[in-house]
Amino acid sequence: MRVAVLTDIHANSEAFAACLAHAHERGVDRLALLGDFVGYGADAEAVVDEVMRHARAGAIVIKGNHDEAIEGKASYFNEQAQAALDWARATLSEEQKRFLAALPLRVDEPPICFVHASAAAPERWNYIDSPGAALRSLQATEAAYTFCGHVHDQVLYFETTQQRMSAFVPTPGTAIPVREGRRWLAIAGSVGQPRDRNPAAAYALFDSGRREITFHRVPYDHHAAAEKIRRAGLPHGLAYRVETGI
């Protein structure tokens, strides 16, 4: 089974389409879509429509904090993020809003756990930004493999022989052996808004038969996505971030 893990799409339909095409070219069997389908970008309606289509076809779909915020304003978002969420609320249909509201925060399919943020209290939207945070997430599940998003960088954490966690920054396109003798937590990176000075979309591919994870970066027309943000009247800083990856 080859599972493509896509997360933090952020209303960027160009990036989403590019990653889906890239994954299907590599023979993906199933999709895991780990939340934040809205926010920052200008294509919330199109992205959520595509997510709903894949959910009907059997994809794993998880709620992110931006998706939850569609139900009501959250005070922790900055002005730019709030503007994009307001745009999403105005453009999404009632059916789409109900779909987002009903999504689970976590799905366990042994030996894998799928979650947007941390598996430890996922409703708190804690970031996996250190080995300690990765360990707390792993301790909240029995899974050998945990896949998440929320942090927009690609990182692989693994359990050491001392039962501690160590971080590894992957090279895109290089398969990494992930044997079940230890436990792993993979942050797939952001499809729609990478923040590592590289605008190429990011996702991960897990081959459960070969026990390998490959992190990918996919070039796409990020200028078109940025122009949509400007035409929608959203803050120009959101367009600049899509264009530059910062």
C-alpha atoms as a PDB file:
ATOM      1  CA  MET A   1       0.000   0.000   0.000  1.00  0.00           C
ATOM      2  CA  ARG A   2       1.366   3.386  -1.016  1.00  0.00           C
ATOM      3  CA  VAL A   3      -0.181   6.271   0.929  1.00  0.00           C
ATOM      4  CA  ALA A   4       0.312   9.890  -0.121  1.00  0.00           C
ATOM      5  CA  VAL A   5       0.194  12.234   2.876  1.00  0.00           C
ATOM      6  CA  LEU A   6      -0.846  15.781   1.995  1.00  0.00           C
ATOM      7  CA  THR A   7      -1.442  18.452   4.595  1.00  0.00           C
ATOM      8  CA  ASP A   8      -1.708  22.225   5.039  1.00  0.00           C
ATOM      9  CA  ILE A   9      -3.120  22.760   1.557  1.00  0.00           C
ATOM     10  CA  HIS A  10      -4.378  26.196   2.586  1.00  0.00           C
ATOM     11  CA  ALA A  11      -6.786  26.959  -0.254  1.00  0.00           C
ATOM     12  CA  ASN A  12      -4.061  26.574  -2.872  1.00  0.00           C
ATOM     13  CA  SER A  13      -5.648  24.563  -5.662  1.00  0.00           C
ATOM     14  CA  GLU A  14      -2.631  24.822  -7.983  1.00  0.00           C
ATOM     15  CA  ALA A  15      -0.317  23.267  -5.393  1.00  0.00           C
ATOM     16  CA  PHE A  16      -2.910  20.644  -4.463  1.00  0.00           C
ATOM     17  CA  ALA A  17      -3.416  19.566  -8.075  1.00  0.00           C
ATOM     18  CA  ALA A  18       0.341  19.370  -8.664  1.00  0.00           C
ATOM     19  CA  CYS A  19       0.902  17.136  -5.631  1.00  0.00           C
ATOM     20  CA  LEU A  20      -2.033  14.873  -6.517  1.00  0.00           C
ATOM     21  CA  ALA A  21      -0.711  14.439 -10.058  1.00  0.00           C
ATOM     22  CA  HIS A  22       2.808  13.766  -8.757  1.00  0.00           C
ATOM     23  CA  ALA A  23       1.517  11.138  -6.311  1.00  0.00           C
ATOM     24  CA  HIS A  24      -0.646   9.374  -8.884  1.00  0.00           C
ATOM     25  CA  GLU A  25       2.311   9.191 -11.274  1.00  0.00           C
ATOM     26  CA  ARG A  26       4.061   7.205  -8.533  1.00  0.00           C
ATOM     27  CA  GLY A  27       1.275   4.683  -8.167  1.00  0.00           C
ATOM     28  CA  VAL A  28      -0.323   5.903  -4.965  1.00  0.00           C
ATOM     29  CA  ASP A  29      -3.069   3.627  -3.621  1.00  0.00           C
ATOM     30  CA  ARG A  30      -4.647   5.921  -1.039  1.00  0.00           C
ATOM     31  CA  LEU A  31      -4.646   9.537   0.092  1.00  0.00           C
ATOM     32  CA  ALA A  32      -4.331  10.854   3.635  1.00  0.00           C
ATOM     33  CA  LEU A  33      -5.345  14.524   3.779  1.00  0.00           C
ATOM     34  CA  LEU A  34      -4.348  15.895   7.161  1.00  0.00           C
ATOM     35  CA  GLY A  35      -6.165  19.181   7.429  1.00  0.00           C
ATOM     36  CA  ASP A  36      -5.895  22.933   6.998  1.00  0.00           C
ATOM     37  CA  PHE A  37      -7.670  22.844   3.674  1.00  0.00           C
ATOM     38  CA  VAL A  38      -8.642  26.511   4.059  1.00  0.00           C
ATOM     39  CA  GLY A  39      -6.851  29.653   5.189  1.00  0.00           C
ATOM     40  CA  TYR A  40      -4.118  31.839   3.659  1.00  0.00           C
ATOM     41  CA  GLY A  41      -5.086  31.105   0.022  1.00  0.00           C
ATOM     42  CA  ALA A  42      -7.961  32.209  -2.181  1.00  0.00           C
ATOM     43  CA  ASP A  43      -9.300  28.844  -3.395  1.00  0.00           C
ATOM     44  CA  ALA A  44     -11.045  27.431  -0.316  1.00  0.00           C
ATOM     45  CA  GLU A  45     -14.171  26.437  -2.226  1.00  0.00           C
ATOM     46  CA  ALA A  46     -12.295  24.542  -4.954  1.00  0.00           C
ATOM     47  CA  VAL A  47      -9.942  22.816  -2.501  1.00  0.00           C
ATOM     48  CA  VAL A  48     -12.682  21.685  -0.129  1.00  0.00           C
ATOM     49  CA  ASP A  49     -14.725  20.431  -3.074  1.00  0.00           C
ATOM     50  CA  GLU A  50     -11.764  18.303  -4.181  1.00  0.00           C
ATOM     51  CA  VAL A  51     -11.193  17.046  -0.629  1.00  0.00           C
ATOM     52  CA  MET A  52     -14.852  16.030  -0.386  1.00  0.00           C
ATOM     53  CA  ARG A  53     -14.520  14.125  -3.651  1.00  0.00           C
ATOM     54  CA  HIS A  54     -11.533  12.201  -2.354  1.00  0.00           C
ATOM     55  CA  ALA A  55     -13.258  11.540   0.971  1.00  0.00           C
ATOM     56  CA  ARG A  56     -16.115   9.864  -0.899  1.00  0.00           C
ATOM     57  CA  ALA A  57     -13.522   7.727  -2.698  1.00  0.00           C
ATOM     58  CA  GLY A  58     -12.038   6.487   0.587  1.00  0.00           C
ATOM     59  CA  ALA A  59      -9.348   9.013   1.484  1.00  0.00           C
ATOM     60  CA  ILE A  60      -8.454   9.594   5.119  1.00  0.00           C
ATOM     61  CA  VAL A  61      -9.419  13.192   5.931  1.00  0.00           C
ATOM     62  CA  ILE A  62      -8.492  15.011   9.160  1.00  0.00           C
ATOM     63  CA  LYS A  63      -9.559  18.399  10.538  1.00  0.00           C
ATOM     64  CA  GLY A  64      -6.973  21.144  10.950  1.00  0.00           C
ATOM     65  CA  ASN A  65      -7.102  24.245  13.126  1.00  0.00           C
ATOM     66  CA  HIS A  66      -7.950  26.523  10.176  1.00  0.00           C
ATOM     67  CA  ASP A  67     -10.787  24.178   9.232  1.00  0.00           C
ATOM     68  CA  GLU A  68     -12.088  24.294  12.798  1.00  0.00           C
ATOM     69  CA  ALA A  69     -11.942  28.099  12.740  1.00  0.00           C
ATOM     70  CA  ILE A  70     -14.546  28.170   9.970  1.00  0.00           C
ATOM     71  CA  GLU A  71     -17.103  27.274  12.663  1.00  0.00           C
ATOM     72  CA  GLY A  72     -16.222  30.398  14.656  1.00  0.00           C
ATOM     73  CA  LYS A  73     -13.409  32.906  14.982  1.00  0.00           C
ATOM     74  CA  ALA A  74     -10.328  31.850  16.941  1.00  0.00           C
ATOM     75  CA  SER A  75      -8.446  34.598  18.748  1.00  0.00           C
ATOM     76  CA  TYR A  76      -4.953  33.232  18.100  1.00  0.00           C
ATOM     77  CA  PHE A  77      -4.893  33.970  14.341  1.00  0.00           C
ATOM     78  CA  ASN A  78      -3.153  37.108  13.122  1.00  0.00           C
ATOM     79  CA  GLU A  79      -4.905  39.696  10.940  1.00  0.00           C
ATOM     80  CA  GLN A  80      -3.741  38.170   7.649  1.00  0.00           C
ATOM     81  CA  ALA A  81      -4.903  34.701   8.651  1.00  0.00           C
ATOM     82  CA  GLN A  82      -8.237  36.087   9.877  1.00  0.00           C
ATOM     83  CA  ALA A  83      -8.777  37.851   6.560  1.00  0.00           C
ATOM     84  CA  ALA A  84      -8.281  34.601   4.647  1.00  0.00           C
ATOM     85  CA  LEU A  85     -10.625  32.747   7.006  1.00  0.00           C
ATOM     86  CA  ASP A  86     -13.270  35.444   6.557  1.00  0.00           C
ATOM     87  CA  TRP A  87     -12.908  34.978   2.796  1.00  0.00           C
ATOM     88  CA  ALA A  88     -13.333  31.224   3.181  1.00  0.00           C
ATOM     89  CA  ARG A  89     -16.475  31.648   5.307  1.00  0.00           C
ATOM     90  CA  ALA A  90     -17.935  33.902   2.629  1.00  0.00           C
ATOM     91  CA  THR A  91     -17.169  31.556  -0.271  1.00  0.00           C
ATOM     92  CA  LEU A  92     -17.729  28.067   1.159  1.00  0.00           C
ATOM     93  CA  SER A  93     -21.166  26.512   0.806  1.00  0.00           C
ATOM     94  CA  GLU A  94     -23.123  25.375   3.846  1.00  0.00           C
ATOM     95  CA  GLU A  95     -22.516  21.775   2.792  1.00  0.00           C
ATOM     96  CA  GLN A  96     -18.773  22.383   2.712  1.00  0.00           C
ATOM     97  CA  LYS A  97     -18.851  24.021   6.145  1.00  0.00           C
ATOM     98  CA  ARG A  98     -20.743  21.046   7.582  1.00  0.00           C
ATOM     99  CA  PHE A  99     -18.201  18.701   6.015  1.00  0.00           C
ATOM    100  CA  LEU A 100     -15.292  20.515   7.682  1.00  0.00           C
ATOM    101  CA  ALA A 101     -17.083  20.670  11.025  1.00  0.00           C
ATOM    102  CA  ALA A 102     -17.689  16.910  11.043  1.00  0.00           C
ATOM    103  CA  LEU A 103     -14.102  15.875  10.326  1.00  0.00           C
ATOM    104  CA  PRO A 104     -12.211  13.873  12.978  1.00  0.00           C
ATOM    105  CA  LEU A 105      -9.135  15.210  14.734  1.00  0.00           C
ATOM    106  CA  ARG A 106      -7.297  11.901  14.560  1.00  0.00           C
ATOM    107  CA  VAL A 107      -7.591   8.584  12.732  1.00  0.00           C
ATOM    108  CA  ASP A 108      -5.820   5.413  13.837  1.00  0.00           C
ATOM    109  CA  GLU A 109      -5.292   2.640  11.314  1.00  0.00           C
ATOM    110  CA  PRO A 110      -2.645   0.392  12.907  1.00  0.00           C
ATOM    111  CA  PRO A 111       0.262   0.574  12.533  1.00  0.00           C
ATOM    112  CA  ILE A 112      -0.369   4.223  11.524  1.00  0.00           C
ATOM    113  CA  CYS A 113      -1.797   7.253  13.317  1.00  0.00           C
ATOM    114  CA  PHE A 114      -2.911  10.255  11.266  1.00  0.00           C
ATOM    115  CA  VAL A 115      -3.375  13.661  12.930  1.00  0.00           C
ATOM    116  CA  HIS A 116      -3.023  17.314  11.989  1.00  0.00           C
ATOM    117  CA  ALA A 117      -0.993  18.478  14.994  1.00  0.00           C
ATOM    118  CA  SER A 118       0.015  16.345  17.986  1.00  0.00           C
ATOM    119  CA  ALA A 119      -1.618  13.010  18.774  1.00  0.00           C
ATOM    120  CA  ALA A 120      -1.451  14.108  22.407  1.00  0.00           C
ATOM    121  CA  ALA A 121      -4.550  16.310  22.844  1.00  0.00           C
ATOM    122  CA  PRO A 122      -4.973  17.080  19.123  1.00  0.00           C
ATOM    123  CA  GLU A 123      -7.659  19.652  19.902  1.00  0.00           C
ATOM    124  CA  ARG A 124      -4.998  21.903  21.451  1.00  0.00           C
ATOM    125  CA  TRP A 125      -3.146  22.261  18.138  1.00  0.00           C
ATOM    126  CA  ASN A 126       0.292  21.913  19.720  1.00  0.00           C
ATOM    127  CA  TYR A 127       3.244  22.077  17.335  1.00  0.00           C
ATOM    128  CA  ILE A 128       5.684  19.207  16.923  1.00  0.00           C
ATOM    129  CA  ASP A 129       8.682  21.527  16.993  1.00  0.00           C
ATOM    130  CA  SER A 130      11.152  19.579  19.129  1.00  0.00           C
ATOM    131  CA  PRO A 131      12.136  15.999  19.985  1.00  0.00           C
ATOM    132  CA  GLY A 132      10.257  16.369  23.271  1.00  0.00           C
ATOM    133  CA  ALA A 133       7.038  17.349  21.513  1.00  0.00           C
ATOM    134  CA  ALA A 134       7.487  14.429  19.101  1.00  0.00           C
ATOM    135  CA  LEU A 135       7.928  12.041  22.024  1.00  0.00           C
ATOM    136  CA  ARG A 136       4.762  13.297  23.729  1.00  0.00           C
ATOM    137  CA  SER A 137       2.840  12.717  20.518  1.00  0.00           C
ATOM    138  CA  LEU A 138       4.190   9.180  20.132  1.00  0.00           C
ATOM    139  CA  GLN A 139       3.403   8.361  23.753  1.00  0.00           C
ATOM    140  CA  ALA A 140      -0.265   9.142  23.050  1.00  0.00           C
ATOM    141  CA  THR A 141      -0.563   6.332  20.496  1.00  0.00           C
ATOM    142  CA  GLU A 142       0.539   2.736  20.037  1.00  0.00           C
ATOM    143  CA  ALA A 143       1.275   3.323  16.350  1.00  0.00           C
ATOM    144  CA  ALA A 144       4.655   2.556  14.844  1.00  0.00           C
ATOM    145  CA  TYR A 145       4.160   5.442  12.407  1.00  0.00           C
ATOM    146  CA  THR A 146       2.564   8.820  13.071  1.00  0.00           C
ATOM    147  CA  PHE A 147       1.952  11.287  10.242  1.00  0.00           C
ATOM    148  CA  CYS A 148       1.067  14.903  10.901  1.00  0.00           C
ATOM    149  CA  GLY A 149       1.256  18.441   9.563  1.00  0.00           C
ATOM    150  CA  HIS A 150       0.675  21.840  11.215  1.00  0.00           C
ATOM    151  CA  VAL A 151       4.418  22.574  11.109  1.00  0.00           C
ATOM    152  CA  HIS A 152       5.060  23.619   7.526  1.00  0.00           C
ATOM    153  CA  ASP A 153       8.542  22.098   7.272  1.00  0.00           C
ATOM    154  CA  GLN A 154       9.410  18.492   6.417  1.00  0.00           C
ATOM    155  CA  VAL A 155      10.948  16.623   9.358  1.00  0.00           C
ATOM    156  CA  LEU A 156      11.264  12.972  10.332  1.00  0.00           C
ATOM    157  CA  TYR A 157      11.577  12.117  14.021  1.00  0.00           C
ATOM    158  CA  PHE A 158      12.678   8.644  15.090  1.00  0.00           C
ATOM    159  CA  GLU A 159      13.006   6.776  18.354  1.00  0.00           C
ATOM    160  CA  THR A 160      16.580   6.061  19.464  1.00  0.00           C
ATOM    161  CA  THR A 161      17.823   3.026  21.372  1.00  0.00           C
ATOM    162  CA  GLN A 162      17.614   5.170  24.542  1.00  0.00           C
ATOM    163  CA  GLN A 163      13.874   5.683  23.850  1.00  0.00           C
ATOM    164  CA  ARG A 164      14.446   9.316  23.055  1.00  0.00           C
ATOM    165  CA  MET A 165      13.582  11.137  19.853  1.00  0.00           C
ATOM    166  CA  SER A 166      15.971  12.472  17.261  1.00  0.00           C
ATOM    167  CA  ALA A 167      15.157  14.723  14.286  1.00  0.00           C
ATOM    168  CA  PHE A 168      16.217  14.129  10.705  1.00  0.00           C
ATOM    169  CA  VAL A 169      15.774  16.614   7.854  1.00  0.00           C
ATOM    170  CA  PRO A 170      15.021  14.563   4.720  1.00  0.00           C
ATOM    171  CA  THR A 171      16.364  15.059   1.221  1.00  0.00           C
ATOM    172  CA  PRO A 172      13.427  15.372  -1.199  1.00  0.00           C
ATOM    173  CA  GLY A 173      13.020  12.384  -3.487  1.00  0.00           C
ATOM    174  CA  THR A 174      15.215  10.067  -1.408  1.00  0.00           C
ATOM    175  CA  ALA A 175      13.487   7.014   0.081  1.00  0.00           C
ATOM    176  CA  ILE A 176      14.148   6.567   3.803  1.00  0.00           C
ATOM    177  CA  PRO A 177      13.918   3.060   5.339  1.00  0.00           C
ATOM    178  CA  VAL A 178      11.580   3.156   8.362  1.00  0.00           C
ATOM    179  CA  ARG A 179      11.601  -0.307   9.896  1.00  0.00           C
ATOM    180  CA  GLU A 180       9.118  -1.210  12.620  1.00  0.00           C
ATOM    181  CA  GLY A 181      11.887  -1.920  15.122  1.00  0.00           C
ATOM    182  CA  ARG A 182      11.610   1.712  16.198  1.00  0.00           C
ATOM    183  CA  ARG A 183       8.845   4.322  16.103  1.00  0.00           C
ATOM    184  CA  TRP A 184       8.611   7.204  13.663  1.00  0.00           C
ATOM    185  CA  LEU A 185       6.848  10.558  13.409  1.00  0.00           C
ATOM    186  CA  ALA A 186       6.804  12.242  10.004  1.00  0.00           C
ATOM    187  CA  ILE A 187       5.805  15.855   9.374  1.00  0.00           C
ATOM    188  CA  ALA A 188       4.856  15.892   5.716  1.00  0.00           C
ATOM    189  CA  GLY A 189       5.375  19.608   5.057  1.00  0.00           C
ATOM    190  CA  SER A 190       2.883  22.042   3.559  1.00  0.00           C
ATOM    191  CA  VAL A 191       1.276  21.611   0.161  1.00  0.00           C
ATOM    192  CA  GLY A 192       0.028  25.166  -0.098  1.00  0.00           C
ATOM    193  CA  GLN A 193       2.353  27.342   1.968  1.00  0.00           C
ATOM    194  CA  PRO A 194       5.927  26.059   2.493  1.00  0.00           C
ATOM    195  CA  ARG A 195       8.080  28.286   4.692  1.00  0.00           C
ATOM    196  CA  ASP A 196      11.648  27.178   3.956  1.00  0.00           C
ATOM    197  CA  ARG A 197      12.373  29.725   1.179  1.00  0.00           C
ATOM    198  CA  ASN A 198      11.359  27.179  -1.451  1.00  0.00           C
ATOM    199  CA  PRO A 199       7.887  27.761  -2.945  1.00  0.00           C
ATOM    200  CA  ALA A 200       7.607  24.187  -4.291  1.00  0.00           C
ATOM    201  CA  ALA A 201       4.711  22.246  -2.744  1.00  0.00           C
ATOM    202  CA  ALA A 202       5.558  19.550  -0.199  1.00  0.00           C
ATOM    203  CA  TYR A 203       4.083  16.151   0.646  1.00  0.00           C
ATOM    204  CA  ALA A 204       5.208  12.650   1.711  1.00  0.00           C
ATOM    205  CA  LEU A 205       4.699   9.163   0.316  1.00  0.00           C
ATOM    206  CA  PHE A 206       4.670   6.123   2.616  1.00  0.00           C
ATOM    207  CA  ASP A 207       5.205   2.669   1.117  1.00  0.00           C
ATOM    208  CA  SER A 208       3.939   0.290   3.793  1.00  0.00           C
ATOM    209  CA  GLY A 209       5.151  -2.798   1.922  1.00  0.00           C
ATOM    210  CA  ARG A 210       8.722  -1.585   1.523  1.00  0.00           C
ATOM    211  CA  ARG A 211       8.628   0.328   4.824  1.00  0.00           C
ATOM    212  CA  GLU A 212       9.899   3.522   3.227  1.00  0.00           C
ATOM    213  CA  ILE A 213       8.972   7.198   3.445  1.00  0.00           C
ATOM    214  CA  THR A 214       9.872   9.555   0.631  1.00  0.00           C
ATOM    215  CA  PHE A 215       9.443  13.290   1.083  1.00  0.00           C
ATOM    216  CA  HIS A 216       8.740  15.187  -2.117  1.00  0.00           C
ATOM    217  CA  ARG A 217       8.849  18.782  -3.350  1.00  0.00           C
ATOM    218  CA  VAL A 218       6.728  19.577  -6.390  1.00  0.00           C
ATOM    219  CA  PRO A 219       7.151  22.750  -8.461  1.00  0.00           C
ATOM    220  CA  TYR A 220       3.877  24.349  -9.565  1.00  0.00           C
ATOM    221  CA  ASP A 221       2.586  27.682 -10.821  1.00  0.00           C
ATOM    222  CA  HIS A 222       2.917  29.514  -7.511  1.00  0.00           C
ATOM    223  CA  HIS A 223       2.668  32.870  -9.291  1.00  0.00           C
ATOM    224  CA  ALA A 224      -0.874  31.972 -10.440  1.00  0.00           C
ATOM    225  CA  ALA A 225      -1.813  31.004  -6.874  1.00  0.00           C
ATOM    226  CA  ALA A 226      -0.385  34.284  -5.563  1.00  0.00           C
ATOM    227  CA  GLU A 227      -2.237  36.313  -8.187  1.00  0.00           C
ATOM    228  CA  LYS A 228      -5.536  34.734  -7.081  1.00  0.00           C
ATOM    229  CA  ILE A 229      -4.818  35.922  -3.546  1.00  0.00           C
ATOM    230  CA  ARG A 230      -4.291  39.477  -4.785  1.00  0.00           C
ATOM    231  CA  ARG A 231      -7.386  39.436  -6.982  1.00  0.00           C
ATOM    232  CA  ALA A 232      -9.464  38.268  -4.021  1.00  0.00           C
ATOM    233  CA  GLY A 233      -8.394  41.362  -2.111  1.00  0.00           C
ATOM    234  CA  LEU A 234      -6.559  39.366   0.535  1.00  0.00           C
ATOM    235  CA  PRO A 235      -3.420  40.749   2.225  1.00  0.00           C
ATOM    236  CA  HIS A 236      -0.508  40.960  -0.210  1.00  0.00           C
ATOM    237  CA  GLY A 237       1.758  39.357   2.382  1.00  0.00           C
ATOM    238  CA  LEU A 238      -0.071  36.073   1.842  1.00  0.00           C
ATOM    239  CA  ALA A 239       0.674  36.243  -1.890  1.00  0.00           C
ATOM    240  CA  TYR A 240       4.310  37.123  -1.219  1.00  0.00           C
ATOM    241  CA  ARG A 241       4.726  34.106   1.049  1.00  0.00           C
ATOM    242  CA  VAL A 242       3.335  31.758  -1.623  1.00  0.00           C
ATOM    243  CA  GLU A 243       5.689  33.229  -4.212  1.00  0.00           C
ATOM    244  CA  THR A 244       8.809  33.134  -2.061  1.00  0.00           C
ATOM    245  CA  GLY A 245       8.230  30.334   0.427  1.00  0.00           C
ATOM    246  CA  ILE A 246       9.142  32.442   3.452  1.00  0.00           C
END
